[in-house]
Amino acid sequence: MSGSFPSRDLSRLLPHREPARFVREILDCGSGAITCLGDVPADSPYVSRGTFPSFVLLDLCAQCAAVLEVVEAMRQGAEAKPTAGYIVRARGIETAPVRQPAGVSFEVRVRRTGRAGELHVYEAAVTAGGAAVFRGSFSTFVGATPGPSTRP
């Protein structure tokens, strides 16, 4: 793992709890990028007849991005504080197949490509058994609830 890693306790890194927490293990984390293992458990509300829609992998990617941000903040001396974030944009999303099996391990690679205040932009790629199943870019907002501007 790149650099020292402050915590492997995912409950300290993500606000999600079971069955909504999809990240299971951090494989590597450093310099604006993270690689994780994750799955969507069979008891997830997204699962029907043993499969879930591939768009749910976007949430897995966003959870990995959230872990990246908390780990980087911890490495800079900040207290570990998982914070709710919002996916505010997705672009160029490609998935294959349309549905994925529940409980299968996915390898997720997320790289931060930009940042402006509390808005972060990432590129992500997900594989299962070495085969690409998801890729694209997304943006998250972390902080106060996003909403209409209060400016006149």
C-alpha atoms as a PDB file:
ATOM      1  CA  MET A   1       0.000   0.000   0.000  1.00  0.00           C
ATOM      2  CA  SER A   2       1.339   3.422  -0.901  1.00  0.00           C
ATOM      3  CA  GLY A   3       2.482   5.353   2.159  1.00  0.00           C
ATOM      4  CA  SER A   4       1.399   4.587   5.695  1.00  0.00           C
ATOM      5  CA  PHE A   5      -2.234   3.699   6.058  1.00  0.00           C
ATOM      6  CA  PRO A   6      -3.994   5.151   9.100  1.00  0.00           C
ATOM      7  CA  SER A   7      -6.986   2.789   9.420  1.00  0.00           C
ATOM      8  CA  ARG A   8      -8.399  -0.361   7.891  1.00  0.00           C
ATOM      9  CA  ASP A   9     -11.569  -0.041   9.959  1.00  0.00           C
ATOM     10  CA  LEU A  10     -14.108   0.834   7.284  1.00  0.00           C
ATOM     11  CA  SER A  11     -16.622   2.032   9.888  1.00  0.00           C
ATOM     12  CA  ARG A  12     -14.169   4.880  10.611  1.00  0.00           C
ATOM     13  CA  LEU A  13     -13.873   5.717   6.922  1.00  0.00           C
ATOM     14  CA  LEU A  14     -17.441   5.456   5.586  1.00  0.00           C
ATOM     15  CA  PRO A  15     -20.793   6.536   7.036  1.00  0.00           C
ATOM     16  CA  HIS A  16     -22.471   3.551   5.313  1.00  0.00           C
ATOM     17  CA  ARG A  17     -23.555   0.501   7.281  1.00  0.00           C
ATOM     18  CA  GLU A  18     -24.583  -2.961   6.112  1.00  0.00           C
ATOM     19  CA  PRO A  19     -26.125  -3.740   3.697  1.00  0.00           C
ATOM     20  CA  ALA A  20     -25.411  -0.328   2.110  1.00  0.00           C
ATOM     21  CA  ARG A  21     -21.615  -0.503   2.574  1.00  0.00           C
ATOM     22  CA  PHE A  22     -20.156  -2.083  -0.551  1.00  0.00           C
ATOM     23  CA  VAL A  23     -16.416  -1.541   0.099  1.00  0.00           C
ATOM     24  CA  ARG A  24     -14.862  -4.607   1.753  1.00  0.00           C
ATOM     25  CA  GLU A  25     -11.112  -4.065   1.572  1.00  0.00           C
ATOM     26  CA  ILE A  26      -8.596  -1.407   0.612  1.00  0.00           C
ATOM     27  CA  LEU A  27      -5.828  -2.829  -1.574  1.00  0.00           C
ATOM     28  CA  ASP A  28      -3.882   0.357  -2.294  1.00  0.00           C
ATOM     29  CA  CYS A  29      -4.294   4.040  -1.549  1.00  0.00           C
ATOM     30  CA  GLY A  30      -2.033   6.910  -2.378  1.00  0.00           C
ATOM     31  CA  SER A  31      -1.595  10.176  -4.220  1.00  0.00           C
ATOM     32  CA  GLY A  32      -5.141  10.742  -5.413  1.00  0.00           C
ATOM     33  CA  ALA A  33      -5.941   7.128  -6.291  1.00  0.00           C
ATOM     34  CA  ILE A  34      -7.358   4.078  -4.545  1.00  0.00           C
ATOM     35  CA  THR A  35      -7.943   0.412  -5.338  1.00  0.00           C
ATOM     36  CA  CYS A  36     -10.557  -1.471  -3.338  1.00  0.00           C
ATOM     37  CA  LEU A  37     -12.405  -4.745  -3.317  1.00  0.00           C
ATOM     38  CA  GLY A  38     -16.149  -4.601  -2.900  1.00  0.00           C
ATOM     39  CA  ASP A  39     -19.413  -6.372  -3.487  1.00  0.00           C
ATOM     40  CA  VAL A  40     -23.150  -5.807  -3.365  1.00  0.00           C
ATOM     41  CA  PRO A  41     -24.464  -8.253  -0.765  1.00  0.00           C
ATOM     42  CA  ALA A  42     -27.434 -10.487  -1.437  1.00  0.00           C
ATOM     43  CA  ASP A  43     -29.474  -8.675   1.238  1.00  0.00           C
ATOM     44  CA  SER A  44     -29.050  -5.287  -0.473  1.00  0.00           C
ATOM     45  CA  PRO A  45     -32.344  -3.670  -1.480  1.00  0.00           C
ATOM     46  CA  TYR A  46     -30.875  -3.367  -5.010  1.00  0.00           C
ATOM     47  CA  VAL A  47     -30.730  -7.146  -5.403  1.00  0.00           C
ATOM     48  CA  SER A  48     -33.562  -8.997  -7.102  1.00  0.00           C
ATOM     49  CA  ARG A  49     -33.342 -12.682  -7.999  1.00  0.00           C
ATOM     50  CA  GLY A  50     -29.650 -12.729  -7.159  1.00  0.00           C
ATOM     51  CA  THR A  51     -28.598  -9.816  -9.394  1.00  0.00           C
ATOM     52  CA  PHE A  52     -28.497  -6.030  -9.255  1.00  0.00           C
ATOM     53  CA  PRO A  53     -28.468  -3.296 -11.935  1.00  0.00           C
ATOM     54  CA  SER A  54     -24.932  -2.377 -13.023  1.00  0.00           C
ATOM     55  CA  PHE A  55     -25.513   1.320 -12.262  1.00  0.00           C
ATOM     56  CA  VAL A  56     -25.177   0.381  -8.559  1.00  0.00           C
ATOM     57  CA  LEU A  57     -21.450  -0.008  -9.237  1.00  0.00           C
ATOM     58  CA  LEU A  58     -21.361   3.795  -9.438  1.00  0.00           C
ATOM     59  CA  ASP A  59     -22.220   3.850  -5.729  1.00  0.00           C
ATOM     60  CA  LEU A  60     -19.406   1.361  -5.043  1.00  0.00           C
ATOM     61  CA  CYS A  61     -17.016   3.675  -6.919  1.00  0.00           C
ATOM     62  CA  ALA A  62     -18.257   6.691  -4.939  1.00  0.00           C
ATOM     63  CA  GLN A  63     -17.712   4.822  -1.669  1.00  0.00           C
ATOM     64  CA  CYS A  64     -14.123   4.087  -2.729  1.00  0.00           C
ATOM     65  CA  ALA A  65     -13.664   7.783  -3.539  1.00  0.00           C
ATOM     66  CA  ALA A  66     -14.998   8.695  -0.088  1.00  0.00           C
ATOM     67  CA  VAL A  67     -12.476   6.348   1.538  1.00  0.00           C
ATOM     68  CA  LEU A  68      -9.706   7.958  -0.526  1.00  0.00           C
ATOM     69  CA  GLU A  69     -10.627  11.436   0.710  1.00  0.00           C
ATOM     70  CA  VAL A  70     -10.802  10.401   4.387  1.00  0.00           C
ATOM     71  CA  VAL A  71      -7.494   8.503   4.190  1.00  0.00           C
ATOM     72  CA  GLU A  72      -5.739  11.445   2.540  1.00  0.00           C
ATOM     73  CA  ALA A  73      -7.119  13.823   5.188  1.00  0.00           C
ATOM     74  CA  MET A  74      -5.918  11.468   7.947  1.00  0.00           C
ATOM     75  CA  ARG A  75      -2.468  11.344   6.396  1.00  0.00           C
ATOM     76  CA  GLN A  76      -2.389  15.144   6.644  1.00  0.00           C
ATOM     77  CA  GLY A  77      -3.179  14.948  10.356  1.00  0.00           C
ATOM     78  CA  ALA A  78      -6.954  15.477  10.276  1.00  0.00           C
ATOM     79  CA  GLU A  79      -9.292  13.390  12.412  1.00  0.00           C
ATOM     80  CA  ALA A  80     -11.023  10.519  10.595  1.00  0.00           C
ATOM     81  CA  LYS A  81     -14.505  11.776   9.906  1.00  0.00           C
ATOM     82  CA  PRO A  82     -16.668   9.935   7.404  1.00  0.00           C
ATOM     83  CA  THR A  83     -19.044  12.420   5.827  1.00  0.00           C
ATOM     84  CA  ALA A  84     -22.078  11.865   3.661  1.00  0.00           C
ATOM     85  CA  GLY A  85     -21.481  12.883   0.078  1.00  0.00           C
ATOM     86  CA  TYR A  86     -23.603  13.170  -3.015  1.00  0.00           C
ATOM     87  CA  ILE A  87     -23.010  11.914  -6.545  1.00  0.00           C
ATOM     88  CA  VAL A  88     -23.820  15.003  -8.580  1.00  0.00           C
ATOM     89  CA  ARG A  89     -22.706  13.963 -12.060  1.00  0.00           C
ATOM     90  CA  ALA A  90     -21.865  10.856 -14.060  1.00  0.00           C
ATOM     91  CA  ARG A  91     -20.413  10.893 -17.583  1.00  0.00           C
ATOM     92  CA  GLY A  92     -19.275   8.337 -20.088  1.00  0.00           C
ATOM     93  CA  ILE A  93     -20.584   5.458 -17.999  1.00  0.00           C
ATOM     94  CA  GLU A  94     -20.180   2.086 -19.708  1.00  0.00           C
ATOM     95  CA  THR A  95     -21.380  -1.162 -18.166  1.00  0.00           C
ATOM     96  CA  ALA A  96     -21.418  -4.739 -19.362  1.00  0.00           C
ATOM     97  CA  PRO A  97     -23.521  -6.694 -18.691  1.00  0.00           C
ATOM     98  CA  VAL A  98     -26.624  -4.728 -17.615  1.00  0.00           C
ATOM     99  CA  ARG A  99     -27.051  -6.776 -14.401  1.00  0.00           C
ATOM    100  CA  GLN A 100     -24.380  -8.118 -12.059  1.00  0.00           C
ATOM    101  CA  PRO A 101     -24.504 -11.077  -9.649  1.00  0.00           C
ATOM    102  CA  ALA A 102     -24.810 -10.245  -5.949  1.00  0.00           C
ATOM    103  CA  GLY A 103     -21.965 -11.261  -3.658  1.00  0.00           C
ATOM    104  CA  VAL A 104     -19.312 -11.298  -6.408  1.00  0.00           C
ATOM    105  CA  SER A 105     -16.038  -9.529  -5.617  1.00  0.00           C
ATOM    106  CA  PHE A 106     -15.283  -6.458  -7.736  1.00  0.00           C
ATOM    107  CA  GLU A 107     -11.943  -4.707  -7.997  1.00  0.00           C
ATOM    108  CA  VAL A 108     -12.463  -0.956  -8.125  1.00  0.00           C
ATOM    109  CA  ARG A 109      -9.885   1.603  -9.194  1.00  0.00           C
ATOM    110  CA  VAL A 110     -10.725   5.267  -8.618  1.00  0.00           C
ATOM    111  CA  ARG A 111      -8.503   8.224  -9.448  1.00  0.00           C
ATOM    112  CA  ARG A 112      -9.255  11.844  -8.564  1.00  0.00           C
ATOM    113  CA  THR A 113      -8.871  13.999 -11.677  1.00  0.00           C
ATOM    114  CA  GLY A 114     -10.014  17.348 -10.339  1.00  0.00           C
ATOM    115  CA  ARG A 115     -11.198  19.294  -7.353  1.00  0.00           C
ATOM    116  CA  ALA A 116     -12.855  22.649  -6.747  1.00  0.00           C
ATOM    117  CA  GLY A 117     -13.694  23.217  -3.092  1.00  0.00           C
ATOM    118  CA  GLU A 118     -16.053  20.445  -2.001  1.00  0.00           C
ATOM    119  CA  LEU A 119     -16.636  19.217  -5.574  1.00  0.00           C
ATOM    120  CA  HIS A 120     -14.408  16.304  -6.640  1.00  0.00           C
ATOM    121  CA  VAL A 121     -14.127  14.628 -10.047  1.00  0.00           C
ATOM    122  CA  TYR A 122     -13.027  11.006 -10.487  1.00  0.00           C
ATOM    123  CA  GLU A 123     -12.350   8.400 -13.153  1.00  0.00           C
ATOM    124  CA  ALA A 124     -13.310   4.852 -12.230  1.00  0.00           C
ATOM    125  CA  ALA A 125     -12.912   1.330 -13.580  1.00  0.00           C
ATOM    126  CA  VAL A 126     -14.420  -1.845 -12.142  1.00  0.00           C
ATOM    127  CA  THR A 127     -13.496  -5.424 -12.992  1.00  0.00           C
ATOM    128  CA  ALA A 128     -14.878  -8.810 -11.945  1.00  0.00           C
ATOM    129  CA  GLY A 129     -12.696 -11.844 -12.478  1.00  0.00           C
ATOM    130  CA  GLY A 130     -10.388  -9.711 -14.625  1.00  0.00           C
ATOM    131  CA  ALA A 131     -13.182  -8.619 -17.007  1.00  0.00           C
ATOM    132  CA  ALA A 132     -14.172  -4.953 -17.280  1.00  0.00           C
ATOM    133  CA  VAL A 133     -17.753  -4.426 -16.085  1.00  0.00           C
ATOM    134  CA  PHE A 134     -17.939  -0.659 -15.449  1.00  0.00           C
ATOM    135  CA  ARG A 135     -16.056   2.512 -16.277  1.00  0.00           C
ATOM    136  CA  GLY A 136     -16.677   6.219 -16.476  1.00  0.00           C
ATOM    137  CA  SER A 137     -16.290   9.485 -14.624  1.00  0.00           C
ATOM    138  CA  PHE A 138     -18.318  10.953 -11.813  1.00  0.00           C
ATOM    139  CA  SER A 139     -18.362  13.955  -9.513  1.00  0.00           C
ATOM    140  CA  THR A 140     -19.200  14.107  -5.841  1.00  0.00           C
ATOM    141  CA  PHE A 141     -20.069  16.938  -3.511  1.00  0.00           C
ATOM    142  CA  VAL A 142     -19.116  16.590   0.150  1.00  0.00           C
ATOM    143  CA  GLY A 143     -20.287  19.135   2.691  1.00  0.00           C
ATOM    144  CA  ALA A 144     -23.563  20.900   3.253  1.00  0.00           C
ATOM    145  CA  THR A 145     -26.518  19.564   1.311  1.00  0.00           C
ATOM    146  CA  PRO A 146     -26.282  20.794  -2.284  1.00  0.00           C
ATOM    147  CA  GLY A 147     -29.212  22.890  -3.375  1.00  0.00           C
ATOM    148  CA  PRO A 148     -30.242  26.104  -5.053  1.00  0.00           C
ATOM    149  CA  SER A 149     -27.930  29.030  -4.620  1.00  0.00           C
ATOM    150  CA  THR A 150     -28.899  31.593  -1.981  1.00  0.00           C
ATOM    151  CA  ARG A 151     -27.221  34.385  -3.899  1.00  0.00           C
ATOM    152  CA  PRO A 152     -29.490  37.170  -5.208  1.00  0.00           C
END
